[in-house]
Amino acid sequence: MSKTSAGKTWDTLQPDKGATGNRAIDRDAYACVPHLFFNLAVRYPVPPEFFLTVLFLWDKTVGQDREVGAGDCALSQIPVRARDRARWLAALVAAGFWDCEKATPGGANQRGSFYVYKNPVAEEWELLFQAASNSRNIDGFDDISPARFGRMFARAVSQLPNPLWPSNG
């Protein structure tokens, strides 16, 4: 059954097509998101733009196919301010959580940039969230270019103590 809402047609799952009885899941289906992300977001007060960028990028890569962990993601699909979105995407790539092949602008068949999830361990995710939380304290945050922020962020993540990396602890 299709329903129109907010200008988009949604296909509601039917009982013979995997419906669960949960109306939110049945309307748009469900993608796995690690509880780790929510636990870390509670422990470390991260900027909402960071959290939304991680969730949308996760959905477009691992959420599409857990085995492959890769997919296209157009910048316009991430609902945060353009500069913040570019900054956090640069940080996630520079810190080694995703690889990115940038999209070529223009053309009728244009796709988003292609991202590949690198599958870091839980402890690395914790360092990432800790660094994101610390980013709230950066003076002149808005004046930092995405490329520079990516480099700064990768350096900050690598310098935090981590029991898996005895050389930097």
C-alpha atoms as a PDB file:
ATOM      1  CA  MET A   1       0.000   0.000   0.000  1.00  0.00           C
ATOM      2  CA  SER A   2       1.370   3.425  -0.942  1.00  0.00           C
ATOM      3  CA  LYS A   3       0.658   6.613   1.001  1.00  0.00           C
ATOM      4  CA  THR A   4       1.651  10.164   0.222  1.00  0.00           C
ATOM      5  CA  SER A   5       3.155  12.284   2.985  1.00  0.00           C
ATOM      6  CA  ALA A   6       5.314  15.404   2.791  1.00  0.00           C
ATOM      7  CA  GLY A   7       5.251  15.212  -1.003  1.00  0.00           C
ATOM      8  CA  LYS A   8       6.764  11.713  -1.091  1.00  0.00           C
ATOM      9  CA  THR A   9       5.084   8.384  -1.735  1.00  0.00           C
ATOM     10  CA  TRP A  10       5.911   5.778   0.881  1.00  0.00           C
ATOM     11  CA  ASP A  11       5.432   2.058   0.430  1.00  0.00           C
ATOM     12  CA  THR A  12       4.096   0.550   3.617  1.00  0.00           C
ATOM     13  CA  LEU A  13       5.206  -3.027   4.239  1.00  0.00           C
ATOM     14  CA  GLN A  14       2.416  -5.572   3.994  1.00  0.00           C
ATOM     15  CA  PRO A  15       2.059  -8.659   6.235  1.00  0.00           C
ATOM     16  CA  ASP A  16       3.169 -10.955   3.412  1.00  0.00           C
ATOM     17  CA  LYS A  17       6.188  -8.702   2.658  1.00  0.00           C
ATOM     18  CA  GLY A  18       7.872  -8.588   6.081  1.00  0.00           C
ATOM     19  CA  ALA A  19       5.591  -6.284   8.059  1.00  0.00           C
ATOM     20  CA  THR A  20       6.346  -6.286  11.777  1.00  0.00           C
ATOM     21  CA  GLY A  21       3.237  -4.673  13.263  1.00  0.00           C
ATOM     22  CA  ASN A  22       5.343  -1.662  14.335  1.00  0.00           C
ATOM     23  CA  ARG A  23       3.935   1.159  12.203  1.00  0.00           C
ATOM     24  CA  ALA A  24       7.150   3.197  12.140  1.00  0.00           C
ATOM     25  CA  ILE A  25       9.184   0.233  10.889  1.00  0.00           C
ATOM     26  CA  ASP A  26       6.492  -0.990   8.511  1.00  0.00           C
ATOM     27  CA  ARG A  27       6.194   2.370   6.789  1.00  0.00           C
ATOM     28  CA  ASP A  28       9.855   2.964   5.869  1.00  0.00           C
ATOM     29  CA  ALA A  29      11.489  -0.320   6.899  1.00  0.00           C
ATOM     30  CA  TYR A  30      14.428  -0.426   9.275  1.00  0.00           C
ATOM     31  CA  ALA A  31      18.207  -0.291   9.056  1.00  0.00           C
ATOM     32  CA  CYS A  32      20.537  -1.574  11.743  1.00  0.00           C
ATOM     33  CA  VAL A  33      22.300   1.130  13.724  1.00  0.00           C
ATOM     34  CA  PRO A  34      24.706   0.065  16.463  1.00  0.00           C
ATOM     35  CA  HIS A  35      23.552   0.735  20.012  1.00  0.00           C
ATOM     36  CA  LEU A  36      27.183   1.739  20.516  1.00  0.00           C
ATOM     37  CA  PHE A  37      26.476   5.013  18.674  1.00  0.00           C
ATOM     38  CA  PHE A  38      23.642   5.938  21.022  1.00  0.00           C
ATOM     39  CA  ASN A  39      25.583   4.879  24.125  1.00  0.00           C
ATOM     40  CA  LEU A  40      28.570   6.982  23.063  1.00  0.00           C
ATOM     41  CA  ALA A  41      26.357   9.973  22.199  1.00  0.00           C
ATOM     42  CA  VAL A  42      25.025   9.845  25.768  1.00  0.00           C
ATOM     43  CA  ARG A  43      28.504   9.518  27.287  1.00  0.00           C
ATOM     44  CA  TYR A  44      30.081  12.227  25.112  1.00  0.00           C
ATOM     45  CA  PRO A  45      27.888  15.258  24.292  1.00  0.00           C
ATOM     46  CA  VAL A  46      28.656  15.401  20.568  1.00  0.00           C
ATOM     47  CA  PRO A  47      27.389  18.110  18.233  1.00  0.00           C
ATOM     48  CA  PRO A  48      24.082  17.080  16.630  1.00  0.00           C
ATOM     49  CA  GLU A  49      25.582  17.773  13.180  1.00  0.00           C
ATOM     50  CA  PHE A  50      28.251  15.142  13.848  1.00  0.00           C
ATOM     51  CA  PHE A  51      25.727  12.562  15.026  1.00  0.00           C
ATOM     52  CA  LEU A  52      23.369  13.131  12.086  1.00  0.00           C
ATOM     53  CA  THR A  53      26.249  12.924   9.618  1.00  0.00           C
ATOM     54  CA  VAL A  54      27.403   9.605  11.126  1.00  0.00           C
ATOM     55  CA  LEU A  55      23.858   8.179  11.085  1.00  0.00           C
ATOM     56  CA  PHE A  56      23.132   9.207   7.499  1.00  0.00           C
ATOM     57  CA  LEU A  57      26.507   8.020   6.219  1.00  0.00           C
ATOM     58  CA  TRP A  58      26.047   4.729   8.095  1.00  0.00           C
ATOM     59  CA  ASP A  59      22.603   4.296   6.535  1.00  0.00           C
ATOM     60  CA  LYS A  60      23.909   4.954   3.016  1.00  0.00           C
ATOM     61  CA  THR A  61      26.786   2.477   3.405  1.00  0.00           C
ATOM     62  CA  VAL A  62      26.444  -0.258   6.036  1.00  0.00           C
ATOM     63  CA  GLY A  63      22.670   0.252   6.301  1.00  0.00           C
ATOM     64  CA  GLN A  64      22.277  -0.613   2.620  1.00  0.00           C
ATOM     65  CA  ASP A  65      24.352  -3.807   2.692  1.00  0.00           C
ATOM     66  CA  ARG A  66      26.167  -4.996   5.817  1.00  0.00           C
ATOM     67  CA  GLU A  67      28.396  -7.320   3.813  1.00  0.00           C
ATOM     68  CA  VAL A  68      29.610  -4.613   1.421  1.00  0.00           C
ATOM     69  CA  GLY A  69      29.477  -1.542   3.697  1.00  0.00           C
ATOM     70  CA  ALA A  70      29.680   0.871   0.801  1.00  0.00           C
ATOM     71  CA  GLY A  71      27.365   3.169  -1.084  1.00  0.00           C
ATOM     72  CA  ASP A  72      26.647   6.530  -2.649  1.00  0.00           C
ATOM     73  CA  CYS A  73      25.762   9.488  -0.468  1.00  0.00           C
ATOM     74  CA  ALA A  74      24.892  12.882  -1.883  1.00  0.00           C
ATOM     75  CA  LEU A  75      25.685  15.804   0.383  1.00  0.00           C
ATOM     76  CA  SER A  76      22.110  16.997   0.063  1.00  0.00           C
ATOM     77  CA  GLN A  77      20.921  13.772   1.738  1.00  0.00           C
ATOM     78  CA  ILE A  78      22.471  14.762   5.075  1.00  0.00           C
ATOM     79  CA  PRO A  79      20.173  17.332   6.732  1.00  0.00           C
ATOM     80  CA  VAL A  80      22.706  19.613   8.391  1.00  0.00           C
ATOM     81  CA  ARG A  81      24.219  22.958   7.439  1.00  0.00           C
ATOM     82  CA  ALA A  82      26.451  22.544   4.366  1.00  0.00           C
ATOM     83  CA  ARG A  83      29.670  23.734   6.035  1.00  0.00           C
ATOM     84  CA  ASP A  84      29.151  21.465   9.064  1.00  0.00           C
ATOM     85  CA  ARG A  85      28.318  18.506   6.825  1.00  0.00           C
ATOM     86  CA  ALA A  86      31.469  19.007   4.736  1.00  0.00           C
ATOM     87  CA  ARG A  87      33.564  19.406   7.882  1.00  0.00           C
ATOM     88  CA  TRP A  88      32.281  16.217   9.539  1.00  0.00           C
ATOM     89  CA  LEU A  89      32.548  14.156   6.354  1.00  0.00           C
ATOM     90  CA  ALA A  90      36.160  15.317   5.963  1.00  0.00           C
ATOM     91  CA  ALA A  91      36.826  14.377   9.596  1.00  0.00           C
ATOM     92  CA  LEU A  92      35.289  10.885   9.254  1.00  0.00           C
ATOM     93  CA  VAL A  93      37.378  10.195   6.153  1.00  0.00           C
ATOM     94  CA  ALA A  94      40.606  11.702   7.550  1.00  0.00           C
ATOM     95  CA  ALA A  95      40.213   9.723  10.793  1.00  0.00           C
ATOM     96  CA  GLY A  96      39.982   6.511   8.737  1.00  0.00           C
ATOM     97  CA  PHE A  97      36.370   5.517   9.407  1.00  0.00           C
ATOM     98  CA  TRP A  98      35.315   5.768   5.745  1.00  0.00           C
ATOM     99  CA  ASP A  99      37.089   6.110   2.405  1.00  0.00           C
ATOM    100  CA  CYS A 100      35.545   8.445  -0.137  1.00  0.00           C
ATOM    101  CA  GLU A 101      35.580   8.718  -3.889  1.00  0.00           C
ATOM    102  CA  LYS A 102      34.216  12.192  -4.592  1.00  0.00           C
ATOM    103  CA  ALA A 103      31.359  12.614  -7.054  1.00  0.00           C
ATOM    104  CA  THR A 104      31.966  14.462 -10.299  1.00  0.00           C
ATOM    105  CA  PRO A 105      29.497  17.362 -10.406  1.00  0.00           C
ATOM    106  CA  GLY A 106      26.980  17.738 -13.210  1.00  0.00           C
ATOM    107  CA  GLY A 107      25.365  15.465 -15.713  1.00  0.00           C
ATOM    108  CA  ALA A 108      22.071  13.638 -15.851  1.00  0.00           C
ATOM    109  CA  ASN A 109      23.469  10.501 -14.222  1.00  0.00           C
ATOM    110  CA  GLN A 110      25.263  12.216 -11.356  1.00  0.00           C
ATOM    111  CA  ARG A 111      25.468  10.144  -8.187  1.00  0.00           C
ATOM    112  CA  GLY A 112      26.645  11.048  -4.730  1.00  0.00           C
ATOM    113  CA  SER A 113      30.172  10.482  -3.535  1.00  0.00           C
ATOM    114  CA  PHE A 114      30.997   6.813  -3.006  1.00  0.00           C
ATOM    115  CA  TYR A 115      31.869   5.912   0.606  1.00  0.00           C
ATOM    116  CA  VAL A 116      33.382   2.668   1.894  1.00  0.00           C
ATOM    117  CA  TYR A 117      33.145   1.853   5.593  1.00  0.00           C
ATOM    118  CA  LYS A 118      36.512   0.823   7.100  1.00  0.00           C
ATOM    119  CA  ASN A 119      35.085  -1.160  10.064  1.00  0.00           C
ATOM    120  CA  PRO A 120      36.984   0.363  13.007  1.00  0.00           C
ATOM    121  CA  VAL A 121      36.777  -1.349  16.405  1.00  0.00           C
ATOM    122  CA  ALA A 122      34.482  -0.090  19.186  1.00  0.00           C
ATOM    123  CA  GLU A 123      37.371   1.558  21.034  1.00  0.00           C
ATOM    124  CA  GLU A 124      38.165   3.626  17.948  1.00  0.00           C
ATOM    125  CA  TRP A 125      34.516   4.706  17.768  1.00  0.00           C
ATOM    126  CA  GLU A 126      34.762   5.807  21.375  1.00  0.00           C
ATOM    127  CA  LEU A 127      37.827   7.922  20.565  1.00  0.00           C
ATOM    128  CA  LEU A 128      35.960   9.410  17.629  1.00  0.00           C
ATOM    129  CA  PHE A 129      32.984  10.405  19.788  1.00  0.00           C
ATOM    130  CA  GLN A 130      35.312  11.780  22.471  1.00  0.00           C
ATOM    131  CA  ALA A 131      37.121  13.931  19.900  1.00  0.00           C
ATOM    132  CA  ALA A 132      33.792  15.084  18.440  1.00  0.00           C
ATOM    133  CA  SER A 133      32.672  16.086  21.919  1.00  0.00           C
ATOM    134  CA  ASN A 134      35.914  18.017  22.458  1.00  0.00           C
ATOM    135  CA  SER A 135      35.409  19.829  19.140  1.00  0.00           C
ATOM    136  CA  ARG A 136      32.730  21.919  20.850  1.00  0.00           C
ATOM    137  CA  ASN A 137      35.577  23.807  22.546  1.00  0.00           C
ATOM    138  CA  ILE A 138      37.365  24.936  19.363  1.00  0.00           C
ATOM    139  CA  ASP A 139      37.460  28.718  19.037  1.00  0.00           C
ATOM    140  CA  GLY A 140      36.567  30.007  15.581  1.00  0.00           C
ATOM    141  CA  PHE A 141      35.054  26.651  14.591  1.00  0.00           C
ATOM    142  CA  ASP A 142      33.103  28.184  11.717  1.00  0.00           C
ATOM    143  CA  ASP A 143      36.250  29.664  10.174  1.00  0.00           C
ATOM    144  CA  ILE A 144      38.045  26.310   9.851  1.00  0.00           C
ATOM    145  CA  SER A 145      37.911  24.797   6.371  1.00  0.00           C
ATOM    146  CA  PRO A 146      36.651  21.226   6.034  1.00  0.00           C
ATOM    147  CA  ALA A 147      40.080  20.006   4.839  1.00  0.00           C
ATOM    148  CA  ARG A 148      41.894  21.620   7.780  1.00  0.00           C
ATOM    149  CA  PHE A 149      39.265  20.371  10.226  1.00  0.00           C
ATOM    150  CA  GLY A 150      39.647  16.838   8.843  1.00  0.00           C
ATOM    151  CA  ARG A 151      43.394  16.940   9.474  1.00  0.00           C
ATOM    152  CA  MET A 152      42.929  18.424  12.957  1.00  0.00           C
ATOM    153  CA  PHE A 153      40.286  15.867  13.832  1.00  0.00           C
ATOM    154  CA  ALA A 154      42.338  12.884  12.623  1.00  0.00           C
ATOM    155  CA  ARG A 155      45.297  14.124  14.682  1.00  0.00           C
ATOM    156  CA  ALA A 156      43.086  14.608  17.763  1.00  0.00           C
ATOM    157  CA  VAL A 157      41.614  11.098  17.464  1.00  0.00           C
ATOM    158  CA  SER A 158      45.049   9.528  17.069  1.00  0.00           C
ATOM    159  CA  GLN A 159      46.439  11.375  20.119  1.00  0.00           C
ATOM    160  CA  LEU A 160      43.767  10.269  22.568  1.00  0.00           C
ATOM    161  CA  PRO A 161      44.838   7.393  24.854  1.00  0.00           C
ATOM    162  CA  ASN A 162      43.734   4.045  23.473  1.00  0.00           C
ATOM    163  CA  PRO A 163      44.640   0.650  24.930  1.00  0.00           C
ATOM    164  CA  LEU A 164      44.772  -0.792  21.405  1.00  0.00           C
ATOM    165  CA  TRP A 165      47.521   1.634  20.412  1.00  0.00           C
ATOM    166  CA  PRO A 166      50.236   1.442  23.103  1.00  0.00           C
ATOM    167  CA  SER A 167      52.481   3.819  21.155  1.00  0.00           C
ATOM    168  CA  ASN A 168      50.227   6.838  21.790  1.00  0.00           C
ATOM    169  CA  GLY A 169      49.012   6.099  25.308  1.00  0.00           C
END
